[in-house]
Amino acid sequence: MAEIQGIEGLSDGEIHDLVQQGAKFVYFQYTISVLIMTFKRTSDVFFIRPGEGTLGKSLPYTMITVFLGWWGIPWGPIYSIGSLWTNLSGGEDVTSDIVHG
């Protein structure tokens, strides 16, 4: 299972309270292509506190996709667009999976 970044030093109760205030758990996607092979992967899960933006956390994965994702045909461009959409939309919210799972 992927690690959760950003919960270091927080108790379960503090995490629960922050989620009630609007915090969320998200992951980002990135795409890497090598000639005819394309790989779509996900980052670790990040804990996003209430009012905190995701742009800074998504930037490394977005840049990997921009520079390395497009080159595989046909899936490189398709997966790259999907990864960029996910990242620029704030990441994939998996809060319910983590809180209830």
PDB file of N, CA and C in Angstrom:
ATOM      1  N   MET A   1       0.837  -1.186   0.000  1.00  0.00           N
ATOM      2  CA  MET A   1       0.000   0.000   0.000  1.00  0.00           C
ATOM      3  C   MET A   1       0.877   1.243   0.000  1.00  0.00           C
ATOM      4  N   ALA A   2       0.425   2.269  -0.662  1.00  0.00           N
ATOM      5  CA  ALA A   2       1.177   3.518  -0.740  1.00  0.00           C
ATOM      6  C   ALA A   2       1.197   4.199   0.630  1.00  0.00           C
ATOM      7  N   GLU A   3       2.257   4.939   0.863  1.00  0.00           N
ATOM      8  CA  GLU A   3       2.350   5.704   2.100  1.00  0.00           C
ATOM      9  C   GLU A   3       1.443   6.913   2.019  1.00  0.00           C
ATOM     10  N   ILE A   4       1.094   7.439   3.196  1.00  0.00           N
ATOM     11  CA  ILE A   4       0.314   8.675   3.254  1.00  0.00           C
ATOM     12  C   ILE A   4       1.255   9.779   3.714  1.00  0.00           C
ATOM     13  N   GLN A   5       1.432  10.766   2.849  1.00  0.00           N
ATOM     14  CA  GLN A   5       2.311  11.897   3.132  1.00  0.00           C
ATOM     15  C   GLN A   5       1.511  13.002   3.822  1.00  0.00           C
ATOM     16  N   GLY A   6       2.072  13.596   4.857  1.00  0.00           N
ATOM     17  CA  GLY A   6       1.458  14.757   5.484  1.00  0.00           C
ATOM     18  C   GLY A   6       0.703  14.481   6.764  1.00  0.00           C
ATOM     19  N   ILE A   7       0.703  13.236   7.253  1.00  0.00           N
ATOM     20  CA  ILE A   7       0.012  12.948   8.510  1.00  0.00           C
ATOM     21  C   ILE A   7       0.988  12.728   9.656  1.00  0.00           C
ATOM     22  N   GLU A   8       2.252  12.965   9.405  1.00  0.00           N
ATOM     23  CA  GLU A   8       3.262  12.742  10.419  1.00  0.00           C
ATOM     24  C   GLU A   8       2.959  13.597  11.650  1.00  0.00           C
ATOM     25  N   GLY A   9       2.956  12.977  12.820  1.00  0.00           N
ATOM     26  CA  GLY A   9       2.732  13.688  14.071  1.00  0.00           C
ATOM     27  C   GLY A   9       1.281  13.931  14.422  1.00  0.00           C
ATOM     28  N   LEU A  10       0.346  13.516  13.575  1.00  0.00           N
ATOM     29  CA  LEU A  10      -1.080  13.706  13.857  1.00  0.00           C
ATOM     30  C   LEU A  10      -1.670  12.418  14.418  1.00  0.00           C
ATOM     31  N   SER A  11      -2.523  12.565  15.425  1.00  0.00           N
ATOM     32  CA  SER A  11      -3.224  11.399  15.967  1.00  0.00           C
ATOM     33  C   SER A  11      -4.420  11.083  15.075  1.00  0.00           C
ATOM     34  N   ASP A  12      -4.998   9.910  15.269  1.00  0.00           N
ATOM     35  CA  ASP A  12      -6.187   9.537  14.501  1.00  0.00           C
ATOM     36  C   ASP A  12      -7.317  10.532  14.739  1.00  0.00           C
ATOM     37  N   GLY A  13      -7.467  10.970  15.972  1.00  0.00           N
ATOM     38  CA  GLY A  13      -8.511  11.935  16.303  1.00  0.00           C
ATOM     39  C   GLY A  13      -8.304  13.268  15.606  1.00  0.00           C
ATOM     40  N   GLU A  14      -7.059  13.724  15.551  1.00  0.00           N
ATOM     41  CA  GLU A  14      -6.765  14.982  14.865  1.00  0.00           C
ATOM     42  C   GLU A  14      -7.047  14.867  13.365  1.00  0.00           C
ATOM     43  N   ILE A  15      -6.677  13.737  12.787  1.00  0.00           N
ATOM     44  CA  ILE A  15      -6.949  13.519  11.361  1.00  0.00           C
ATOM     45  C   ILE A  15      -8.451  13.523  11.116  1.00  0.00           C
ATOM     46  N   HIS A  16      -9.194  12.815  11.957  1.00  0.00           N
ATOM     47  CA  HIS A  16     -10.655  12.767  11.815  1.00  0.00           C
ATOM     48  C   HIS A  16     -11.245  14.174  11.905  1.00  0.00           C
ATOM     49  N   ASP A  17     -10.795  14.967  12.888  1.00  0.00           N
ATOM     50  CA  ASP A  17     -11.299  16.337  13.035  1.00  0.00           C
ATOM     51  C   ASP A  17     -10.990  17.176  11.801  1.00  0.00           C
ATOM     52  N   LEU A  18      -9.775  17.048  11.261  1.00  0.00           N
ATOM     53  CA  LEU A  18      -9.403  17.812  10.072  1.00  0.00           C
ATOM     54  C   LEU A  18     -10.225  17.396   8.854  1.00  0.00           C
ATOM     55  N   VAL A  19     -10.507  16.093   8.721  1.00  0.00           N
ATOM     56  CA  VAL A  19     -11.358  15.624   7.620  1.00  0.00           C
ATOM     57  C   VAL A  19     -12.756  16.214   7.759  1.00  0.00           C
ATOM     58  N   GLN A  20     -13.270  16.288   8.979  1.00  0.00           N
ATOM     59  CA  GLN A  20     -14.581  16.898   9.204  1.00  0.00           C
ATOM     60  C   GLN A  20     -14.582  18.369   8.810  1.00  0.00           C
ATOM     61  N   GLN A  21     -13.410  19.019   8.885  1.00  0.00           N
ATOM     62  CA  GLN A  21     -13.285  20.433   8.529  1.00  0.00           C
ATOM     63  C   GLN A  21     -12.996  20.638   7.037  1.00  0.00           C
ATOM     64  N   GLY A  22     -12.830  19.546   6.293  1.00  0.00           N
ATOM     65  CA  GLY A  22     -12.627  19.668   4.851  1.00  0.00           C
ATOM     66  C   GLY A  22     -11.312  19.130   4.327  1.00  0.00           C
ATOM     67  N   ALA A  23     -10.491  18.560   5.194  1.00  0.00           N
ATOM     68  CA  ALA A  23      -9.250  17.940   4.721  1.00  0.00           C
ATOM     69  C   ALA A  23      -9.595  16.731   3.853  1.00  0.00           C
ATOM     70  N   LYS A  24      -8.661  16.334   3.002  1.00  0.00           N
ATOM     71  CA  LYS A  24      -8.915  15.187   2.134  1.00  0.00           C
ATOM     72  C   LYS A  24      -7.611  14.446   1.852  1.00  0.00           C
ATOM     73  N   PHE A  25      -7.769  13.231   1.394  1.00  0.00           N
ATOM     74  CA  PHE A  25      -6.661  12.395   0.971  1.00  0.00           C
ATOM     75  C   PHE A  25      -6.730  12.293  -0.553  1.00  0.00           C
ATOM     76  N   VAL A  26      -5.632  12.597  -1.224  1.00  0.00           N
ATOM     77  CA  VAL A  26      -5.603  12.537  -2.686  1.00  0.00           C
ATOM     78  C   VAL A  26      -4.318  11.877  -3.167  1.00  0.00           C
ATOM     79  N   TYR A  27      -4.361  11.353  -4.378  1.00  0.00           N
ATOM     80  CA  TYR A  27      -3.137  10.940  -5.055  1.00  0.00           C
ATOM     81  C   TYR A  27      -3.104  11.612  -6.414  1.00  0.00           C
ATOM     82  N   PHE A  28      -1.920  11.639  -6.999  1.00  0.00           N
ATOM     83  CA  PHE A  28      -1.719  12.243  -8.308  1.00  0.00           C
ATOM     84  C   PHE A  28      -1.263  11.164  -9.272  1.00  0.00           C
ATOM     85  N   GLN A  29      -1.420  11.412 -10.557  1.00  0.00           N
ATOM     86  CA  GLN A  29      -1.032  10.447 -11.579  1.00  0.00           C
ATOM     87  C   GLN A  29       0.129  10.995 -12.393  1.00  0.00           C
ATOM     88  N   TYR A  30       0.917  10.078 -12.928  1.00  0.00           N
ATOM     89  CA  TYR A  30       1.947  10.478 -13.879  1.00  0.00           C
ATOM     90  C   TYR A  30       2.069   9.405 -14.941  1.00  0.00           C
ATOM     91  N   THR A  31       2.512   9.827 -16.111  1.00  0.00           N
ATOM     92  CA  THR A  31       2.650   8.941 -17.260  1.00  0.00           C
ATOM     93  C   THR A  31       4.073   9.027 -17.780  1.00  0.00           C
ATOM     94  N   ILE A  32       4.650   7.873 -18.048  1.00  0.00           N
ATOM     95  CA  ILE A  32       5.985   7.790 -18.643  1.00  0.00           C
ATOM     96  C   ILE A  32       5.892   6.870 -19.857  1.00  0.00           C
ATOM     97  N   SER A  33       6.422   7.330 -20.980  1.00  0.00           N
ATOM     98  CA  SER A  33       6.421   6.517 -22.200  1.00  0.00           C
ATOM     99  C   SER A  33       7.844   6.256 -22.656  1.00  0.00           C
ATOM    100  N   VAL A  34       8.060   5.044 -23.145  1.00  0.00           N
ATOM    101  CA  VAL A  34       9.331   4.647 -23.735  1.00  0.00           C
ATOM    102  C   VAL A  34       8.991   3.942 -25.043  1.00  0.00           C
ATOM    103  N   LEU A  35       9.161   4.657 -26.137  1.00  0.00           N
ATOM    104  CA  LEU A  35       8.838   4.157 -27.468  1.00  0.00           C
ATOM    105  C   LEU A  35       7.411   3.637 -27.542  1.00  0.00           C
ATOM    106  N   ILE A  36       7.227   2.322 -27.584  1.00  0.00           N
ATOM    107  CA  ILE A  36       5.885   1.771 -27.745  1.00  0.00           C
ATOM    108  C   ILE A  36       5.250   1.376 -26.411  1.00  0.00           C
ATOM    109  N   MET A  37       5.951   1.586 -25.308  1.00  0.00           N
ATOM    110  CA  MET A  37       5.415   1.215 -23.998  1.00  0.00           C
ATOM    111  C   MET A  37       5.082   2.480 -23.212  1.00  0.00           C
ATOM    112  N   THR A  38       3.918   2.481 -22.587  1.00  0.00           N
ATOM    113  CA  THR A  38       3.478   3.614 -21.785  1.00  0.00           C
ATOM    114  C   THR A  38       3.041   3.104 -20.422  1.00  0.00           C
ATOM    115  N   PHE A  39       3.486   3.797 -19.383  1.00  0.00           N
ATOM    116  CA  PHE A  39       3.172   3.425 -18.012  1.00  0.00           C
ATOM    117  C   PHE A  39       2.432   4.565 -17.332  1.00  0.00           C
ATOM    118  N   LYS A  40       1.279   4.250 -16.767  1.00  0.00           N
ATOM    119  CA  LYS A  40       0.510   5.230 -16.002  1.00  0.00           C
ATOM    120  C   LYS A  40       0.553   4.776 -14.554  1.00  0.00           C
ATOM    121  N   ARG A  41       1.061   5.639 -13.685  1.00  0.00           N
ATOM    122  CA  ARG A  41       1.266   5.287 -12.287  1.00  0.00           C
ATOM    123  C   ARG A  41       0.655   6.351 -11.379  1.00  0.00           C
ATOM    124  N   THR A  42       0.592   6.028 -10.093  1.00  0.00           N
ATOM    125  CA  THR A  42       0.074   6.976  -9.118  1.00  0.00           C
ATOM    126  C   THR A  42       1.131   7.271  -8.058  1.00  0.00           C
ATOM    127  N   SER A  43       1.000   8.443  -7.468  1.00  0.00           N
ATOM    128  CA  SER A  43       1.887   8.859  -6.395  1.00  0.00           C
ATOM    129  C   SER A  43       1.448   8.207  -5.086  1.00  0.00           C
ATOM    130  N   ASP A  44       2.204   8.477  -4.036  1.00  0.00           N
ATOM    131  CA  ASP A  44       1.719   8.171  -2.698  1.00  0.00           C
ATOM    132  C   ASP A  44       0.460   8.994  -2.464  1.00  0.00           C
ATOM    133  N   VAL A  45      -0.259   8.676  -1.426  1.00  0.00           N
ATOM    134  CA  VAL A  45      -1.434   9.458  -1.047  1.00  0.00           C
ATOM    135  C   VAL A  45      -0.952  10.647  -0.217  1.00  0.00           C
ATOM    136  N   PHE A  46      -1.520  11.809  -0.476  1.00  0.00           N
ATOM    137  CA  PHE A  46      -1.183  13.034   0.251  1.00  0.00           C
ATOM    138  C   PHE A  46      -2.378  13.467   1.084  1.00  0.00           C
ATOM    139  N   PHE A  47      -2.104  13.907   2.314  1.00  0.00           N
ATOM    140  CA  PHE A  47      -3.126  14.474   3.174  1.00  0.00           C
ATOM    141  C   PHE A  47      -3.141  15.974   2.940  1.00  0.00           C
ATOM    142  N   ILE A  48      -4.256  16.479   2.450  1.00  0.00           N
ATOM    143  CA  ILE A  48      -4.409  17.894   2.127  1.00  0.00           C
ATOM    144  C   ILE A  48      -5.278  18.521   3.215  1.00  0.00           C
ATOM    145  N   ARG A  49      -4.700  19.435   3.963  1.00  0.00           N
ATOM    146  CA  ARG A  49      -5.425  20.085   5.056  1.00  0.00           C
ATOM    147  C   ARG A  49      -6.467  21.064   4.524  1.00  0.00           C
ATOM    148  N   PRO A  50      -7.441  21.417   5.358  1.00  0.00           N
ATOM    149  CA  PRO A  50      -8.471  22.367   4.915  1.00  0.00           C
ATOM    150  C   PRO A  50      -7.833  23.674   4.438  1.00  0.00           C
ATOM    151  N   GLY A  51      -8.246  24.135   3.269  1.00  0.00           N
ATOM    152  CA  GLY A  51      -7.737  25.381   2.719  1.00  0.00           C
ATOM    153  C   GLY A  51      -6.394  25.283   2.024  1.00  0.00           C
ATOM    154  N   GLU A  52      -5.758  24.122   2.065  1.00  0.00           N
ATOM    155  CA  GLU A  52      -4.454  23.926   1.427  1.00  0.00           C
ATOM    156  C   GLU A  52      -4.663  23.545  -0.041  1.00  0.00           C
ATOM    157  N   GLY A  53      -3.876  24.126  -0.916  1.00  0.00           N
ATOM    158  CA  GLY A  53      -3.947  23.801  -2.329  1.00  0.00           C
ATOM    159  C   GLY A  53      -3.136  22.558  -2.665  1.00  0.00           C
ATOM    160  N   THR A  54      -3.377  22.020  -3.846  1.00  0.00           N
ATOM    161  CA  THR A  54      -2.684  20.804  -4.270  1.00  0.00           C
ATOM    162  C   THR A  54      -1.637  21.047  -5.351  1.00  0.00           C
ATOM    163  N   LEU A  55      -1.577  22.263  -5.889  1.00  0.00           N
ATOM    164  CA  LEU A  55      -0.689  22.524  -7.020  1.00  0.00           C
ATOM    165  C   LEU A  55       0.765  22.174  -6.712  1.00  0.00           C
ATOM    166  N   GLY A  56       1.262  22.587  -5.582  1.00  0.00           N
ATOM    167  CA  GLY A  56       2.653  22.310  -5.237  1.00  0.00           C
ATOM    168  C   GLY A  56       2.954  20.828  -5.125  1.00  0.00           C
ATOM    169  N   LYS A  57       2.021  20.077  -4.593  1.00  0.00           N
ATOM    170  CA  LYS A  57       2.219  18.636  -4.432  1.00  0.00           C
ATOM    171  C   LYS A  57       2.071  17.889  -5.757  1.00  0.00           C
ATOM    172  N   SER A  58       1.230  18.412  -6.648  1.00  0.00           N
ATOM    173  CA  SER A  58       1.015  17.733  -7.932  1.00  0.00           C
ATOM    174  C   SER A  58       2.079  18.095  -8.967  1.00  0.00           C
ATOM    175  N   LEU A  59       2.798  19.177  -8.755  1.00  0.00           N
ATOM    176  CA  LEU A  59       3.727  19.686  -9.760  1.00  0.00           C
ATOM    177  C   LEU A  59       4.780  18.672 -10.222  1.00  0.00           C
ATOM    178  N   PRO A  60       5.450  17.937  -9.326  1.00  0.00           N
ATOM    179  CA  PRO A  60       6.441  16.967  -9.829  1.00  0.00           C
ATOM    180  C   PRO A  60       5.837  15.919 -10.764  1.00  0.00           C
ATOM    181  N   TYR A  61       4.642  15.442 -10.443  1.00  0.00           N
ATOM    182  CA  TYR A  61       3.995  14.404 -11.252  1.00  0.00           C
ATOM    183  C   TYR A  61       3.488  14.984 -12.567  1.00  0.00           C
ATOM    184  N   THR A  62       3.042  16.215 -12.515  1.00  0.00           N
ATOM    185  CA  THR A  62       2.606  16.897 -13.732  1.00  0.00           C
ATOM    186  C   THR A  62       3.787  17.108 -14.669  1.00  0.00           C
ATOM    187  N   MET A  63       4.928  17.530 -14.128  1.00  0.00           N
ATOM    188  CA  MET A  63       6.111  17.782 -14.958  1.00  0.00           C
ATOM    189  C   MET A  63       6.663  16.489 -15.554  1.00  0.00           C
ATOM    190  N   ILE A  64       6.651  15.398 -14.793  1.00  0.00           N
ATOM    191  CA  ILE A  64       7.077  14.101 -15.343  1.00  0.00           C
ATOM    192  C   ILE A  64       6.218  13.764 -16.557  1.00  0.00           C
ATOM    193  N   THR A  65       4.916  13.946 -16.417  1.00  0.00           N
ATOM    194  CA  THR A  65       3.994  13.642 -17.513  1.00  0.00           C
ATOM    195  C   THR A  65       4.238  14.549 -18.709  1.00  0.00           C
ATOM    196  N   VAL A  66       4.424  15.846 -18.469  1.00  0.00           N
ATOM    197  CA  VAL A  66       4.628  16.795 -19.564  1.00  0.00           C
ATOM    198  C   VAL A  66       5.868  16.424 -20.377  1.00  0.00           C
ATOM    199  N   PHE A  67       6.939  16.037 -19.700  1.00  0.00           N
ATOM    200  CA  PHE A  67       8.192  15.778 -20.414  1.00  0.00           C
ATOM    201  C   PHE A  67       8.363  14.334 -20.870  1.00  0.00           C
ATOM    202  N   LEU A  68       7.763  13.384 -20.181  1.00  0.00           N
ATOM    203  CA  LEU A  68       8.030  11.980 -20.492  1.00  0.00           C
ATOM    204  C   LEU A  68       6.811  11.156 -20.899  1.00  0.00           C
ATOM    205  N   GLY A  69       5.622  11.750 -20.852  1.00  0.00           N
ATOM    206  CA  GLY A  69       4.422  10.952 -21.060  1.00  0.00           C
ATOM    207  C   GLY A  69       3.938  10.797 -22.478  1.00  0.00           C
ATOM    208  N   TRP A  70       4.260  11.717 -23.348  1.00  0.00           N
ATOM    209  CA  TRP A  70       3.613  11.800 -24.657  1.00  0.00           C
ATOM    210  C   TRP A  70       4.167  10.839 -25.712  1.00  0.00           C
ATOM    211  N   TRP A  71       5.299  10.251 -25.488  1.00  0.00           N
ATOM    212  CA  TRP A  71       6.068   9.634 -26.575  1.00  0.00           C
ATOM    213  C   TRP A  71       5.587   8.268 -27.007  1.00  0.00           C
ATOM    214  N   GLY A  72       4.815   7.573 -26.220  1.00  0.00           N
ATOM    215  CA  GLY A  72       4.334   6.250 -26.620  1.00  0.00           C
ATOM    216  C   GLY A  72       3.064   6.351 -27.442  1.00  0.00           C
ATOM    217  N   ILE A  73       3.006   5.641 -28.541  1.00  0.00           N
ATOM    218  CA  ILE A  73       1.838   5.673 -29.423  1.00  0.00           C
ATOM    219  C   ILE A  73       1.109   4.345 -29.292  1.00  0.00           C
ATOM    220  N   PRO A  74      -0.181   4.325 -29.084  1.00  0.00           N
ATOM    221  CA  PRO A  74      -1.137   5.430 -29.010  1.00  0.00           C
ATOM    222  C   PRO A  74      -1.429   5.896 -27.584  1.00  0.00           C
ATOM    223  N   TRP A  75      -1.001   5.131 -26.558  1.00  0.00           N
ATOM    224  CA  TRP A  75      -1.450   5.404 -25.193  1.00  0.00           C
ATOM    225  C   TRP A  75      -0.762   6.583 -24.523  1.00  0.00           C
ATOM    226  N   GLY A  76       0.410   6.965 -24.967  1.00  0.00           N
ATOM    227  CA  GLY A  76       1.117   8.084 -24.349  1.00  0.00           C
ATOM    228  C   GLY A  76       0.293   9.358 -24.294  1.00  0.00           C
ATOM    229  N   PRO A  77      -0.189   9.849 -25.429  1.00  0.00           N
ATOM    230  CA  PRO A  77      -1.007  11.066 -25.377  1.00  0.00           C
ATOM    231  C   PRO A  77      -2.318  10.883 -24.603  1.00  0.00           C
ATOM    232  N   ILE A  78      -2.938   9.735 -24.743  1.00  0.00           N
ATOM    233  CA  ILE A  78      -4.214   9.487 -24.076  1.00  0.00           C
ATOM    234  C   ILE A  78      -4.024   9.477 -22.565  1.00  0.00           C
ATOM    235  N   TYR A  79      -3.065   8.698 -22.079  1.00  0.00           N
ATOM    236  CA  TYR A  79      -2.803   8.636 -20.637  1.00  0.00           C
ATOM    237  C   TYR A  79      -2.277   9.965 -20.108  1.00  0.00           C
ATOM    238  N   SER A  80      -1.467  10.662 -20.901  1.00  0.00           N
ATOM    239  CA  SER A  80      -0.919  11.951 -20.462  1.00  0.00           C
ATOM    240  C   SER A  80      -2.029  12.964 -20.229  1.00  0.00           C
ATOM    241  N   ILE A  81      -2.976  13.038 -21.147  1.00  0.00           N
ATOM    242  CA  ILE A  81      -4.093  13.970 -20.980  1.00  0.00           C
ATOM    243  C   ILE A  81      -4.885  13.623 -19.723  1.00  0.00           C
ATOM    244  N   GLY A  82      -5.115  12.352 -19.494  1.00  0.00           N
ATOM    245  CA  GLY A  82      -5.832  11.926 -18.288  1.00  0.00           C
ATOM    246  C   GLY A  82      -5.079  12.273 -17.017  1.00  0.00           C
ATOM    247  N   SER A  83      -3.766  12.042 -17.013  1.00  0.00           N
ATOM    248  CA  SER A  83      -2.957  12.369 -15.839  1.00  0.00           C
ATOM    249  C   SER A  83      -2.948  13.867 -15.572  1.00  0.00           C
ATOM    250  N   LEU A  84      -2.776  14.652 -16.625  1.00  0.00           N
ATOM    251  CA  LEU A  84      -2.763  16.105 -16.458  1.00  0.00           C
ATOM    252  C   LEU A  84      -4.119  16.601 -15.958  1.00  0.00           C
ATOM    253  N   TRP A  85      -5.186  16.068 -16.487  1.00  0.00           N
ATOM    254  CA  TRP A  85      -6.526  16.463 -16.046  1.00  0.00           C
ATOM    255  C   TRP A  85      -6.702  16.170 -14.554  1.00  0.00           C
ATOM    256  N   THR A  86      -6.324  14.960 -14.138  1.00  0.00           N
ATOM    257  CA  THR A  86      -6.453  14.585 -12.730  1.00  0.00           C
ATOM    258  C   THR A  86      -5.644  15.521 -11.845  1.00  0.00           C
ATOM    259  N   ASN A  87      -4.381  15.740 -12.200  1.00  0.00           N
ATOM    260  CA  ASN A  87      -3.500  16.555 -11.373  1.00  0.00           C
ATOM    261  C   ASN A  87      -3.950  18.003 -11.305  1.00  0.00           C
ATOM    262  N   LEU A  88      -4.327  18.564 -12.439  1.00  0.00           N
ATOM    263  CA  LEU A  88      -4.723  19.966 -12.467  1.00  0.00           C
ATOM    264  C   LEU A  88      -6.123  20.184 -11.886  1.00  0.00           C
ATOM    265  N   SER A  89      -6.861  19.094 -11.682  1.00  0.00           N
ATOM    266  CA  SER A  89      -8.177  19.170 -11.040  1.00  0.00           C
ATOM    267  C   SER A  89      -8.087  18.935  -9.534  1.00  0.00           C
ATOM    268  N   GLY A  90      -6.884  18.833  -9.010  1.00  0.00           N
ATOM    269  CA  GLY A  90      -6.722  18.664  -7.567  1.00  0.00           C
ATOM    270  C   GLY A  90      -6.386  17.265  -7.113  1.00  0.00           C
ATOM    271  N   GLY A  91      -6.163  16.349  -8.035  1.00  0.00           N
ATOM    272  CA  GLY A  91      -5.829  14.974  -7.673  1.00  0.00           C
ATOM    273  C   GLY A  91      -7.070  14.109  -7.551  1.00  0.00           C
ATOM    274  N   GLU A  92      -6.839  12.829  -7.373  1.00  0.00           N
ATOM    275  CA  GLU A  92      -7.930  11.862  -7.212  1.00  0.00           C
ATOM    276  C   GLU A  92      -8.246  11.744  -5.720  1.00  0.00           C
ATOM    277  N   ASP A  93      -9.440  12.137  -5.330  1.00  0.00           N
ATOM    278  CA  ASP A  93      -9.849  12.143  -3.923  1.00  0.00           C
ATOM    279  C   ASP A  93     -10.177  10.716  -3.480  1.00  0.00           C
ATOM    280  N   VAL A  94      -9.433  10.214  -2.507  1.00  0.00           N
ATOM    281  CA  VAL A  94      -9.652   8.867  -1.978  1.00  0.00           C
ATOM    282  C   VAL A  94      -9.967   8.914  -0.484  1.00  0.00           C
ATOM    283  N   THR A  95     -10.501  10.039  -0.038  1.00  0.00           N
ATOM    284  CA  THR A  95     -10.789  10.229   1.383  1.00  0.00           C
ATOM    285  C   THR A  95     -11.732   9.153   1.904  1.00  0.00           C
ATOM    286  N   SER A  96     -12.818   8.886   1.213  1.00  0.00           N
ATOM    287  CA  SER A  96     -13.782   7.902   1.703  1.00  0.00           C
ATOM    288  C   SER A  96     -13.169   6.507   1.780  1.00  0.00           C
ATOM    289  N   ASP A  97     -12.303   6.175   0.832  1.00  0.00           N
ATOM    290  CA  ASP A  97     -11.641   4.866   0.859  1.00  0.00           C
ATOM    291  C   ASP A  97     -10.748   4.714   2.079  1.00  0.00           C
ATOM    292  N   ILE A  98     -10.069   5.781   2.456  1.00  0.00           N
ATOM    293  CA  ILE A  98      -9.138   5.714   3.578  1.00  0.00           C
ATOM    294  C   ILE A  98      -9.870   5.800   4.908  1.00  0.00           C
ATOM    295  N   VAL A  99     -10.822   6.697   4.995  1.00  0.00           N
ATOM    296  CA  VAL A  99     -11.546   6.886   6.260  1.00  0.00           C
ATOM    297  C   VAL A  99     -12.434   5.689   6.570  1.00  0.00           C
ATOM    298  N   HIS A 100     -13.092   5.137   5.562  1.00  0.00           N
ATOM    299  CA  HIS A 100     -14.011   4.023   5.782  1.00  0.00           C
ATOM    300  C   HIS A 100     -13.400   2.659   5.482  1.00  0.00           C
ATOM    301  N   GLY A 101     -12.198   2.638   4.958  1.00  0.00           N
ATOM    302  CA  GLY A 101     -11.583   1.381   4.545  1.00  0.00           C
ATOM    303  C   GLY A 101     -10.631   0.872   5.477  1.00  0.00           C
TER     304      GLY A 101
END
